[in-house]
Amino acid sequence: MLPARLRFFFALTAVWAALFALGLAVDDRLDGPWLLSAPTLTRLGALSLPVQQPDAVLRVLCTLFLHSDLLHLAGNIAALALIVATWPLAGVGSLSLVLLGGGCLAALGSMVAYSHGISVGPSGALCAALGMALVLPARLGRRLLWGGLAAAFLLGGALSGGDQGAHVGGLLAGLLFGGVRCLTPIVLRRLADRPTAARL
């Protein structure tokens, strides 16, 4: 049986690829053969800004599995492979929660940053994982890898007109998650070490 990390990677990328293939199958190809049109992305569940749909919460979750074009998909698969391979915590449960929670907070970043458009893709969730990883204890080489990848998301988004609101929002969410993860044991130890009040 494959290790849990590989199973997680292959399962998630299979969902990404399947939804992109579905989009290609139903798209009218107005924007090119490997680029999904805005109406198709909206039908698949992308988050439209400003938020007016009654199913906005569901769309925040759906957009974490969608991609606008083939390069978008390939770049996020490569980033996910590096994150899964170097994730500093044991198991994939923590990574799954960070991607989900960070992706939702990244969507809030999109809502704050943009008044109109479509928010699509899990890059904000991936930035959240990178942000948390940067805060956790790790070797210098891994920190440089995570920092470089986060910078690539920010620079690439700036150059390509990507969703910088989601990238920045996800990164900040990840830093917050990492800070909470590091501080929680310290706070709990201090609470446990506090002398109990003497009974009268």
N, C-alpha and C. Protein backbone atom coordinates (compact mmCIF):
# COMPACT_ATOMS: atom_id res chain seq x y z
N MET A 1 0.84 -1.20 0.00
CA MET A 1 0.00 0.00 0.00
C MET A 1 0.88 1.25 0.00
N LEU A 2 0.44 2.27 -0.74
CA LEU A 2 1.19 3.50 -0.80
C LEU A 2 1.16 4.23 0.53
N PRO A 3 2.23 4.98 0.86
CA PRO A 3 2.20 5.79 2.09
C PRO A 3 1.04 6.78 2.06
N ALA A 4 0.61 7.19 3.25
CA ALA A 4 -0.56 8.08 3.36
C ALA A 4 -0.35 9.38 2.60
N ARG A 5 0.86 9.90 2.62
CA ARG A 5 1.11 11.17 1.92
C ARG A 5 0.93 11.03 0.42
N LEU A 6 1.40 9.91 -0.13
CA LEU A 6 1.24 9.70 -1.56
C LEU A 6 -0.22 9.49 -1.92
N ARG A 7 -0.94 8.76 -1.09
CA ARG A 7 -2.37 8.55 -1.34
C ARG A 7 -3.11 9.88 -1.32
N PHE A 8 -2.78 10.72 -0.36
CA PHE A 8 -3.41 12.04 -0.28
C PHE A 8 -3.09 12.86 -1.53
N PHE A 9 -1.83 12.86 -1.94
CA PHE A 9 -1.42 13.63 -3.11
C PHE A 9 -2.14 13.15 -4.37
N PHE A 10 -2.14 11.86 -4.60
CA PHE A 10 -2.77 11.34 -5.81
C PHE A 10 -4.28 11.53 -5.80
N ALA A 11 -4.91 11.39 -4.63
CA ALA A 11 -6.36 11.57 -4.55
C ALA A 11 -6.75 13.02 -4.84
N LEU A 12 -6.03 13.97 -4.25
CA LEU A 12 -6.37 15.37 -4.44
C LEU A 12 -6.09 15.81 -5.88
N THR A 13 -4.95 15.42 -6.42
CA THR A 13 -4.65 15.82 -7.80
C THR A 13 -5.60 15.15 -8.79
N ALA A 14 -6.08 13.95 -8.47
CA ALA A 14 -7.05 13.29 -9.35
C ALA A 14 -8.36 14.08 -9.39
N VAL A 15 -8.79 14.58 -8.24
CA VAL A 15 -10.01 15.41 -8.19
C VAL A 15 -9.80 16.69 -8.99
N TRP A 16 -8.65 17.33 -8.78
CA TRP A 16 -8.34 18.55 -9.54
C TRP A 16 -8.40 18.29 -11.05
N ALA A 17 -7.71 17.23 -11.48
CA ALA A 17 -7.64 16.93 -12.91
C ALA A 17 -9.00 16.55 -13.47
N ALA A 18 -9.79 15.78 -12.70
CA ALA A 18 -11.11 15.36 -13.17
C ALA A 18 -12.03 16.56 -13.36
N LEU A 19 -12.01 17.50 -12.43
CA LEU A 19 -12.86 18.68 -12.55
C LEU A 19 -12.40 19.56 -13.71
N PHE A 20 -11.10 19.65 -13.94
CA PHE A 20 -10.61 20.44 -15.07
C PHE A 20 -11.02 19.76 -16.39
N ALA A 21 -10.92 18.44 -16.44
CA ALA A 21 -11.34 17.71 -17.64
C ALA A 21 -12.84 17.89 -17.89
N LEU A 22 -13.62 17.87 -16.82
CA LEU A 22 -15.06 18.11 -16.95
C LEU A 22 -15.32 19.50 -17.51
N GLY A 23 -14.57 20.47 -17.00
CA GLY A 23 -14.72 21.83 -17.52
C GLY A 23 -14.40 21.92 -19.00
N LEU A 24 -13.35 21.23 -19.44
CA LEU A 24 -13.01 21.22 -20.86
C LEU A 24 -14.12 20.57 -21.68
N ALA A 25 -14.75 19.55 -21.10
CA ALA A 25 -15.78 18.83 -21.84
C ALA A 25 -17.03 19.67 -22.06
N VAL A 26 -17.34 20.53 -21.10
CA VAL A 26 -18.58 21.31 -21.21
C VAL A 26 -18.33 22.75 -21.67
N ASP A 27 -17.08 23.16 -21.78
CA ASP A 27 -16.77 24.54 -22.14
C ASP A 27 -16.97 24.75 -23.64
N ASP A 28 -17.32 25.98 -23.99
CA ASP A 28 -17.53 26.28 -25.40
C ASP A 28 -16.25 26.73 -26.10
N ARG A 29 -15.11 26.70 -25.38
CA ARG A 29 -13.79 26.99 -25.95
C ARG A 29 -13.65 28.43 -26.45
N LEU A 30 -14.41 29.35 -25.89
CA LEU A 30 -14.29 30.73 -26.34
C LEU A 30 -12.94 31.33 -26.01
N ASP A 31 -12.33 30.87 -24.92
CA ASP A 31 -11.08 31.45 -24.46
C ASP A 31 -9.86 30.61 -24.80
N GLY A 32 -10.00 29.61 -25.64
CA GLY A 32 -8.86 28.77 -26.01
C GLY A 32 -9.07 27.34 -25.58
N PRO A 33 -8.30 26.43 -26.14
CA PRO A 33 -8.52 25.00 -25.90
C PRO A 33 -8.18 24.52 -24.50
N TRP A 34 -7.29 25.22 -23.78
CA TRP A 34 -6.89 24.77 -22.44
C TRP A 34 -7.18 25.82 -21.38
N LEU A 35 -8.10 26.71 -21.69
CA LEU A 35 -8.47 27.79 -20.77
C LEU A 35 -9.98 27.78 -20.60
N LEU A 36 -10.44 27.57 -19.38
CA LEU A 36 -11.88 27.51 -19.13
C LEU A 36 -12.47 28.91 -19.09
N SER A 37 -13.63 29.06 -19.69
CA SER A 37 -14.29 30.36 -19.71
C SER A 37 -14.92 30.66 -18.35
N ALA A 38 -15.17 31.95 -18.11
CA ALA A 38 -15.78 32.36 -16.84
C ALA A 38 -17.14 31.72 -16.60
N PRO A 39 -18.02 31.63 -17.60
CA PRO A 39 -19.30 30.95 -17.35
C PRO A 39 -19.14 29.49 -16.94
N THR A 40 -18.18 28.80 -17.56
CA THR A 40 -17.96 27.40 -17.20
C THR A 40 -17.45 27.27 -15.78
N LEU A 41 -16.51 28.12 -15.39
CA LEU A 41 -15.99 28.09 -14.02
C LEU A 41 -17.10 28.38 -13.02
N THR A 42 -17.98 29.31 -13.35
CA THR A 42 -19.09 29.63 -12.45
C THR A 42 -20.04 28.44 -12.32
N ARG A 43 -20.31 27.76 -13.44
CA ARG A 43 -21.18 26.58 -13.37
C ARG A 43 -20.56 25.47 -12.54
N LEU A 44 -19.23 25.36 -12.57
CA LEU A 44 -18.55 24.32 -11.80
C LEU A 44 -18.47 24.65 -10.31
N GLY A 45 -18.74 25.91 -9.96
CA GLY A 45 -18.75 26.26 -8.54
C GLY A 45 -17.78 27.33 -8.12
N ALA A 46 -17.15 28.04 -9.08
CA ALA A 46 -16.21 29.10 -8.72
C ALA A 46 -16.94 30.23 -7.98
N LEU A 47 -16.19 30.96 -7.18
CA LEU A 47 -16.74 32.04 -6.37
C LEU A 47 -16.73 33.33 -7.18
N SER A 48 -17.91 33.89 -7.45
CA SER A 48 -18.03 35.14 -8.19
C SER A 48 -18.05 36.31 -7.21
N LEU A 49 -17.32 37.36 -7.58
CA LEU A 49 -17.25 38.56 -6.75
C LEU A 49 -17.90 39.72 -7.48
N PRO A 50 -18.68 40.56 -6.78
CA PRO A 50 -18.98 40.48 -5.34
C PRO A 50 -19.89 39.30 -5.03
N VAL A 51 -19.84 38.84 -3.80
CA VAL A 51 -20.60 37.66 -3.41
C VAL A 51 -22.08 38.01 -3.35
N GLN A 52 -22.84 37.37 -4.21
CA GLN A 52 -24.28 37.58 -4.25
C GLN A 52 -25.05 36.26 -4.26
N GLN A 53 -24.35 35.15 -4.53
CA GLN A 53 -25.04 33.87 -4.62
C GLN A 53 -25.43 33.37 -3.24
N PRO A 54 -26.61 32.76 -3.11
CA PRO A 54 -27.01 32.18 -1.82
C PRO A 54 -26.16 30.98 -1.42
N ASP A 55 -25.47 30.38 -2.40
CA ASP A 55 -24.63 29.22 -2.11
C ASP A 55 -23.16 29.60 -2.01
N ALA A 56 -22.88 30.82 -1.53
CA ALA A 56 -21.50 31.32 -1.50
C ALA A 56 -20.59 30.45 -0.65
N VAL A 57 -21.10 29.94 0.48
CA VAL A 57 -20.26 29.11 1.35
C VAL A 57 -19.84 27.84 0.62
N LEU A 58 -20.77 27.23 -0.10
CA LEU A 58 -20.44 26.04 -0.88
C LEU A 58 -19.45 26.38 -1.98
N ARG A 59 -19.58 27.54 -2.58
CA ARG A 59 -18.66 27.94 -3.65
C ARG A 59 -17.25 28.19 -3.11
N VAL A 60 -17.15 28.68 -1.88
CA VAL A 60 -15.83 28.86 -1.27
C VAL A 60 -15.10 27.51 -1.21
N LEU A 61 -15.83 26.46 -0.89
CA LEU A 61 -15.24 25.12 -0.83
C LEU A 61 -14.96 24.58 -2.22
N CYS A 62 -15.91 24.77 -3.14
CA CYS A 62 -15.74 24.22 -4.50
C CYS A 62 -14.55 24.84 -5.21
N THR A 63 -14.34 26.13 -5.00
CA THR A 63 -13.28 26.81 -5.73
C THR A 63 -11.89 26.28 -5.37
N LEU A 64 -11.77 25.59 -4.22
CA LEU A 64 -10.49 25.02 -3.82
C LEU A 64 -10.07 23.86 -4.71
N PHE A 65 -11.00 23.36 -5.53
CA PHE A 65 -10.71 22.20 -6.38
C PHE A 65 -10.71 22.54 -7.87
N LEU A 66 -10.89 23.82 -8.20
CA LEU A 66 -11.01 24.23 -9.60
C LEU A 66 -9.76 24.96 -10.07
N HIS A 67 -9.55 24.91 -11.40
CA HIS A 67 -8.42 25.60 -12.02
C HIS A 67 -8.88 26.25 -13.32
N SER A 68 -8.31 27.40 -13.61
CA SER A 68 -8.76 28.16 -14.78
C SER A 68 -8.11 27.71 -16.08
N ASP A 69 -6.91 27.16 -16.01
CA ASP A 69 -6.24 26.71 -17.24
C ASP A 69 -5.22 25.63 -16.89
N LEU A 70 -4.62 25.07 -17.93
CA LEU A 70 -3.71 23.93 -17.74
C LEU A 70 -2.46 24.33 -16.97
N LEU A 71 -1.92 25.51 -17.23
CA LEU A 71 -0.73 25.96 -16.50
C LEU A 71 -1.04 26.17 -15.03
N HIS A 72 -2.22 26.69 -14.74
CA HIS A 72 -2.67 26.86 -13.36
C HIS A 72 -2.71 25.51 -12.64
N LEU A 73 -3.27 24.52 -13.31
CA LEU A 73 -3.37 23.17 -12.74
C LEU A 73 -1.98 22.57 -12.52
N ALA A 74 -1.12 22.65 -13.53
CA ALA A 74 0.22 22.05 -13.43
C ALA A 74 1.05 22.70 -12.33
N GLY A 75 0.95 24.03 -12.21
CA GLY A 75 1.72 24.73 -11.19
C GLY A 75 1.28 24.35 -9.78
N ASN A 76 -0.02 24.22 -9.57
CA ASN A 76 -0.51 23.86 -8.24
C ASN A 76 -0.21 22.40 -7.90
N ILE A 77 -0.22 21.52 -8.90
CA ILE A 77 0.16 20.13 -8.65
C ILE A 77 1.63 20.05 -8.22
N ALA A 78 2.49 20.81 -8.91
CA ALA A 78 3.91 20.82 -8.54
C ALA A 78 4.11 21.37 -7.13
N ALA A 79 3.40 22.45 -6.80
CA ALA A 79 3.52 23.03 -5.46
C ALA A 79 3.00 22.06 -4.40
N LEU A 80 1.89 21.39 -4.69
CA LEU A 80 1.36 20.42 -3.73
C LEU A 80 2.34 19.28 -3.50
N ALA A 81 3.01 18.83 -4.57
CA ALA A 81 3.98 17.74 -4.43
C ALA A 81 5.10 18.14 -3.48
N LEU A 82 5.60 19.35 -3.60
CA LEU A 82 6.67 19.81 -2.72
C LEU A 82 6.18 19.97 -1.28
N ILE A 83 4.97 20.47 -1.11
CA ILE A 83 4.43 20.66 0.23
C ILE A 83 4.19 19.32 0.91
N VAL A 84 3.59 18.38 0.19
CA VAL A 84 3.32 17.06 0.77
C VAL A 84 4.62 16.36 1.15
N ALA A 85 5.64 16.48 0.29
CA ALA A 85 6.91 15.80 0.53
C ALA A 85 7.67 16.37 1.72
N THR A 86 7.45 17.64 2.04
CA THR A 86 8.25 18.29 3.08
C THR A 86 7.42 18.75 4.28
N TRP A 87 6.13 18.39 4.32
CA TRP A 87 5.27 18.85 5.41
C TRP A 87 5.87 18.45 6.76
N PRO A 88 6.04 19.40 7.69
CA PRO A 88 6.79 19.11 8.92
C PRO A 88 6.05 18.34 10.00
N LEU A 89 4.73 18.19 9.86
CA LEU A 89 3.97 17.48 10.88
C LEU A 89 3.67 16.05 10.41
N ALA A 90 3.49 15.14 11.37
CA ALA A 90 3.23 13.75 11.04
C ALA A 90 1.82 13.60 10.46
N GLY A 91 1.68 12.68 9.50
CA GLY A 91 0.38 12.40 8.94
C GLY A 91 -0.08 13.48 7.97
N VAL A 92 -1.26 13.26 7.39
CA VAL A 92 -1.81 14.21 6.43
C VAL A 92 -3.05 14.91 6.97
N GLY A 93 -3.51 14.51 8.15
CA GLY A 93 -4.69 15.15 8.72
C GLY A 93 -4.48 16.62 8.97
N SER A 94 -3.32 16.99 9.52
CA SER A 94 -3.04 18.40 9.80
C SER A 94 -2.96 19.19 8.51
N LEU A 95 -2.34 18.61 7.48
CA LEU A 95 -2.23 19.30 6.19
C LEU A 95 -3.62 19.50 5.58
N SER A 96 -4.47 18.50 5.68
CA SER A 96 -5.83 18.61 5.13
C SER A 96 -6.59 19.75 5.80
N LEU A 97 -6.48 19.84 7.12
CA LEU A 97 -7.19 20.90 7.85
C LEU A 97 -6.65 22.28 7.50
N VAL A 98 -5.33 22.38 7.35
CA VAL A 98 -4.72 23.67 7.01
C VAL A 98 -5.14 24.09 5.61
N LEU A 99 -5.15 23.16 4.67
CA LEU A 99 -5.57 23.49 3.30
C LEU A 99 -7.03 23.93 3.27
N LEU A 100 -7.87 23.25 4.02
CA LEU A 100 -9.29 23.59 4.03
C LEU A 100 -9.54 24.92 4.74
N GLY A 101 -9.04 25.03 5.97
CA GLY A 101 -9.25 26.27 6.71
C GLY A 101 -8.55 27.46 6.07
N GLY A 102 -7.31 27.24 5.63
CA GLY A 102 -6.57 28.32 4.99
C GLY A 102 -7.20 28.73 3.67
N GLY A 103 -7.73 27.74 2.93
CA GLY A 103 -8.39 28.07 1.67
C GLY A 103 -9.63 28.92 1.88
N CYS A 104 -10.39 28.62 2.92
CA CYS A 104 -11.58 29.42 3.22
C CYS A 104 -11.20 30.85 3.61
N LEU A 105 -10.17 31.01 4.42
CA LEU A 105 -9.72 32.35 4.80
C LEU A 105 -9.10 33.08 3.62
N ALA A 106 -8.46 32.33 2.71
CA ALA A 106 -7.93 32.95 1.49
C ALA A 106 -9.05 33.51 0.64
N ALA A 107 -10.19 32.80 0.61
CA ALA A 107 -11.35 33.32 -0.14
C ALA A 107 -11.82 34.65 0.45
N LEU A 108 -11.75 34.78 1.77
CA LEU A 108 -12.08 36.06 2.39
C LEU A 108 -11.13 37.15 1.92
N GLY A 109 -9.84 36.77 1.74
CA GLY A 109 -8.88 37.73 1.21
C GLY A 109 -9.27 38.21 -0.17
N SER A 110 -9.78 37.30 -0.99
CA SER A 110 -10.25 37.69 -2.33
C SER A 110 -11.43 38.66 -2.23
N MET A 111 -12.35 38.38 -1.32
CA MET A 111 -13.52 39.24 -1.16
C MET A 111 -13.12 40.65 -0.73
N VAL A 112 -12.10 40.73 0.11
CA VAL A 112 -11.64 42.03 0.59
C VAL A 112 -10.89 42.78 -0.51
N ALA A 113 -10.09 42.05 -1.29
CA ALA A 113 -9.20 42.69 -2.24
C ALA A 113 -9.88 43.11 -3.54
N TYR A 114 -10.92 42.39 -3.93
CA TYR A 114 -11.51 42.62 -5.25
C TYR A 114 -13.01 42.88 -5.14
N SER A 115 -13.48 43.81 -5.97
CA SER A 115 -14.91 44.14 -5.98
C SER A 115 -15.66 43.34 -7.04
N HIS A 116 -14.97 42.76 -8.00
CA HIS A 116 -15.62 41.96 -9.03
C HIS A 116 -14.62 40.96 -9.61
N GLY A 117 -15.13 39.94 -10.27
CA GLY A 117 -14.28 38.92 -10.87
C GLY A 117 -14.65 37.53 -10.37
N ILE A 118 -13.76 36.58 -10.64
CA ILE A 118 -13.96 35.19 -10.22
C ILE A 118 -12.74 34.74 -9.44
N SER A 119 -12.97 34.16 -8.28
CA SER A 119 -11.91 33.57 -7.47
C SER A 119 -11.92 32.07 -7.68
N VAL A 120 -10.82 31.53 -8.19
CA VAL A 120 -10.79 30.10 -8.50
C VAL A 120 -9.39 29.55 -8.25
N GLY A 121 -9.34 28.37 -7.65
CA GLY A 121 -8.06 27.70 -7.47
C GLY A 121 -7.65 27.54 -6.02
N PRO A 122 -6.81 26.55 -5.74
CA PRO A 122 -6.37 26.28 -4.37
C PRO A 122 -5.06 26.95 -3.99
N SER A 123 -4.58 27.90 -4.78
CA SER A 123 -3.27 28.48 -4.48
C SER A 123 -3.27 29.22 -3.15
N GLY A 124 -4.39 29.83 -2.77
CA GLY A 124 -4.46 30.46 -1.45
C GLY A 124 -4.33 29.44 -0.34
N ALA A 125 -4.96 28.25 -0.53
CA ALA A 125 -4.83 27.18 0.46
C ALA A 125 -3.39 26.68 0.54
N LEU A 126 -2.73 26.57 -0.61
CA LEU A 126 -1.33 26.15 -0.62
C LEU A 126 -0.45 27.18 0.07
N CYS A 127 -0.75 28.46 -0.13
CA CYS A 127 0.00 29.51 0.57
C CYS A 127 -0.20 29.41 2.09
N ALA A 128 -1.39 29.01 2.51
CA ALA A 128 -1.64 28.83 3.94
C ALA A 128 -0.75 27.72 4.50
N ALA A 129 -0.63 26.62 3.76
CA ALA A 129 0.25 25.53 4.20
C ALA A 129 1.69 25.99 4.28
N LEU A 130 2.12 26.78 3.30
CA LEU A 130 3.50 27.29 3.31
C LEU A 130 3.71 28.24 4.49
N GLY A 131 2.73 29.10 4.75
CA GLY A 131 2.85 30.03 5.87
C GLY A 131 2.98 29.31 7.19
N MET A 132 2.17 28.27 7.39
CA MET A 132 2.25 27.52 8.65
C MET A 132 3.58 26.78 8.74
N ALA A 133 4.02 26.19 7.64
CA ALA A 133 5.28 25.45 7.66
C ALA A 133 6.45 26.36 8.01
N LEU A 134 6.41 27.61 7.55
CA LEU A 134 7.51 28.53 7.83
C LEU A 134 7.63 28.85 9.31
N VAL A 135 6.54 28.77 10.04
CA VAL A 135 6.57 29.09 11.47
C VAL A 135 7.03 27.90 12.30
N LEU A 136 6.76 26.69 11.83
CA LEU A 136 7.09 25.50 12.60
C LEU A 136 8.59 25.22 12.56
N PRO A 137 9.12 24.53 13.57
CA PRO A 137 10.54 24.18 13.57
C PRO A 137 10.89 23.29 12.38
N ALA A 138 11.97 23.65 11.68
CA ALA A 138 12.39 22.87 10.51
C ALA A 138 13.82 23.25 10.16
N ARG A 139 14.44 22.41 9.32
CA ARG A 139 15.80 22.70 8.87
C ARG A 139 15.80 23.91 7.93
N LEU A 140 16.96 24.56 7.84
CA LEU A 140 17.08 25.78 7.04
C LEU A 140 16.74 25.51 5.57
N GLY A 141 17.19 24.36 5.06
CA GLY A 141 16.93 24.05 3.66
C GLY A 141 15.45 24.02 3.34
N ARG A 142 14.68 23.42 4.23
CA ARG A 142 13.23 23.36 4.01
C ARG A 142 12.61 24.74 4.13
N ARG A 143 13.08 25.54 5.08
CA ARG A 143 12.55 26.89 5.22
C ARG A 143 12.80 27.71 3.95
N LEU A 144 13.98 27.56 3.38
CA LEU A 144 14.29 28.27 2.14
C LEU A 144 13.38 27.80 1.00
N LEU A 145 13.11 26.50 0.95
CA LEU A 145 12.21 25.96 -0.08
C LEU A 145 10.81 26.52 0.07
N TRP A 146 10.29 26.49 1.30
CA TRP A 146 8.94 27.01 1.54
C TRP A 146 8.86 28.51 1.27
N GLY A 147 9.87 29.25 1.74
CA GLY A 147 9.88 30.69 1.50
C GLY A 147 9.97 31.02 0.03
N GLY A 148 10.80 30.28 -0.71
CA GLY A 148 10.91 30.50 -2.14
C GLY A 148 9.62 30.19 -2.87
N LEU A 149 8.94 29.13 -2.45
CA LEU A 149 7.68 28.76 -3.10
C LEU A 149 6.60 29.80 -2.80
N ALA A 150 6.55 30.28 -1.56
CA ALA A 150 5.59 31.34 -1.23
C ALA A 150 5.87 32.60 -2.04
N ALA A 151 7.15 32.95 -2.17
CA ALA A 151 7.51 34.12 -2.97
C ALA A 151 7.13 33.92 -4.44
N ALA A 152 7.27 32.68 -4.93
CA ALA A 152 6.89 32.39 -6.32
C ALA A 152 5.40 32.58 -6.53
N PHE A 153 4.58 32.17 -5.54
CA PHE A 153 3.14 32.40 -5.64
C PHE A 153 2.84 33.90 -5.71
N LEU A 154 3.47 34.67 -4.83
CA LEU A 154 3.19 36.11 -4.79
C LEU A 154 3.69 36.80 -6.05
N LEU A 155 4.90 36.47 -6.49
CA LEU A 155 5.46 37.10 -7.68
C LEU A 155 4.71 36.66 -8.93
N GLY A 156 4.42 35.35 -9.01
CA GLY A 156 3.69 34.85 -10.16
C GLY A 156 2.30 35.45 -10.25
N GLY A 157 1.65 35.59 -9.10
CA GLY A 157 0.33 36.21 -9.10
C GLY A 157 0.38 37.66 -9.54
N ALA A 158 1.43 38.37 -9.12
CA ALA A 158 1.55 39.77 -9.50
C ALA A 158 1.80 39.92 -10.99
N LEU A 159 2.62 39.04 -11.56
CA LEU A 159 2.97 39.14 -12.98
C LEU A 159 1.84 38.66 -13.89
N SER A 160 1.07 37.68 -13.43
CA SER A 160 0.04 37.10 -14.28
C SER A 160 -1.36 37.63 -14.00
N GLY A 161 -1.47 38.54 -13.04
CA GLY A 161 -2.79 39.04 -12.69
C GLY A 161 -3.60 38.04 -11.89
N GLY A 162 -2.92 37.19 -11.14
CA GLY A 162 -3.60 36.17 -10.34
C GLY A 162 -4.27 36.76 -9.11
N ASP A 163 -4.88 35.91 -8.34
CA ASP A 163 -5.67 36.32 -7.17
C ASP A 163 -4.74 36.59 -6.00
N GLN A 164 -4.16 37.79 -5.97
CA GLN A 164 -3.23 38.13 -4.90
C GLN A 164 -3.93 38.24 -3.55
N GLY A 165 -5.21 38.59 -3.56
CA GLY A 165 -5.95 38.63 -2.31
C GLY A 165 -5.97 37.27 -1.64
N ALA A 166 -6.17 36.22 -2.44
CA ALA A 166 -6.17 34.86 -1.90
C ALA A 166 -4.77 34.44 -1.48
N HIS A 167 -3.75 34.80 -2.25
CA HIS A 167 -2.38 34.42 -1.91
C HIS A 167 -1.97 35.05 -0.57
N VAL A 168 -2.19 36.34 -0.45
CA VAL A 168 -1.79 37.04 0.78
C VAL A 168 -2.66 36.57 1.96
N GLY A 169 -3.96 36.44 1.71
CA GLY A 169 -4.85 35.98 2.76
C GLY A 169 -4.50 34.60 3.26
N GLY A 170 -4.18 33.69 2.32
CA GLY A 170 -3.79 32.35 2.70
C GLY A 170 -2.49 32.32 3.47
N LEU A 171 -1.52 33.12 3.02
CA LEU A 171 -0.23 33.16 3.71
C LEU A 171 -0.38 33.68 5.13
N LEU A 172 -1.17 34.72 5.31
CA LEU A 172 -1.40 35.26 6.66
C LEU A 172 -2.14 34.25 7.53
N ALA A 173 -3.11 33.55 6.94
CA ALA A 173 -3.83 32.53 7.71
C ALA A 173 -2.87 31.43 8.16
N GLY A 174 -1.97 31.01 7.28
CA GLY A 174 -1.01 29.98 7.64
C GLY A 174 -0.06 30.43 8.74
N LEU A 175 0.39 31.67 8.67
CA LEU A 175 1.25 32.19 9.74
C LEU A 175 0.50 32.19 11.07
N LEU A 176 -0.78 32.53 11.02
CA LEU A 176 -1.60 32.50 12.24
C LEU A 176 -1.74 31.08 12.76
N PHE A 177 -2.03 30.13 11.88
CA PHE A 177 -2.15 28.73 12.29
C PHE A 177 -0.85 28.24 12.93
N GLY A 178 0.27 28.58 12.30
CA GLY A 178 1.56 28.15 12.82
C GLY A 178 1.86 28.76 14.18
N GLY A 179 1.52 30.04 14.34
CA GLY A 179 1.74 30.69 15.61
C GLY A 179 0.93 30.05 16.72
N VAL A 180 -0.33 29.75 16.43
CA VAL A 180 -1.19 29.08 17.41
C VAL A 180 -0.63 27.70 17.75
N ARG A 181 -0.19 26.99 16.71
CA ARG A 181 0.37 25.63 16.92
C ARG A 181 1.61 25.66 17.80
N CYS A 182 2.45 26.67 17.65
CA CYS A 182 3.67 26.76 18.45
C CYS A 182 3.41 27.26 19.87
N LEU A 183 2.46 28.18 20.01
CA LEU A 183 2.23 28.80 21.32
C LEU A 183 1.35 27.96 22.22
N THR A 184 0.49 27.12 21.65
CA THR A 184 -0.45 26.36 22.47
C THR A 184 0.24 25.50 23.53
N PRO A 185 1.27 24.69 23.20
CA PRO A 185 1.93 23.90 24.24
C PRO A 185 2.56 24.76 25.33
N ILE A 186 3.10 25.91 24.95
CA ILE A 186 3.73 26.80 25.94
C ILE A 186 2.68 27.32 26.92
N VAL A 187 1.56 27.76 26.37
CA VAL A 187 0.48 28.28 27.23
C VAL A 187 -0.05 27.20 28.15
N LEU A 188 -0.24 25.99 27.60
CA LEU A 188 -0.75 24.89 28.42
C LEU A 188 0.22 24.52 29.54
N ARG A 189 1.52 24.53 29.24
CA ARG A 189 2.52 24.22 30.27
C ARG A 189 2.49 25.26 31.38
N ARG A 190 2.39 26.52 30.99
CA ARG A 190 2.37 27.57 32.00
C ARG A 190 1.12 27.50 32.86
N LEU A 191 0.01 27.15 32.25
CA LEU A 191 -1.21 27.00 33.04
C LEU A 191 -1.10 25.81 33.99
N ALA A 192 -0.46 24.74 33.53
CA ALA A 192 -0.30 23.57 34.38
C ALA A 192 0.67 23.82 35.52
N ASP A 193 1.66 24.72 35.31
CA ASP A 193 2.66 25.00 36.33
C ASP A 193 2.20 26.04 37.35
N ARG A 194 1.07 26.69 37.08
CA ARG A 194 0.61 27.71 38.03
C ARG A 194 0.22 27.05 39.36
N PRO A 195 0.65 27.62 40.47
CA PRO A 195 0.29 27.03 41.76
C PRO A 195 -1.21 27.15 42.01
N THR A 196 -1.79 26.09 42.49
CA THR A 196 -3.22 26.11 42.80
C THR A 196 -3.47 26.88 44.09
N ALA A 197 -4.57 27.54 44.15
CA ALA A 197 -4.91 28.31 45.35
C ALA A 197 -5.12 27.38 46.55
N ALA A 198 -4.57 27.78 47.64
CA ALA A 198 -4.72 26.97 48.85
C ALA A 198 -6.16 26.97 49.32
N ARG A 199 -6.60 25.80 49.70
CA ARG A 199 -7.97 25.71 50.21
C ARG A 199 -8.04 26.24 51.64
N LEU A 200 -9.05 26.99 51.92
CA LEU A 200 -9.21 27.55 53.26
C LEU A 200 -10.01 26.59 54.13
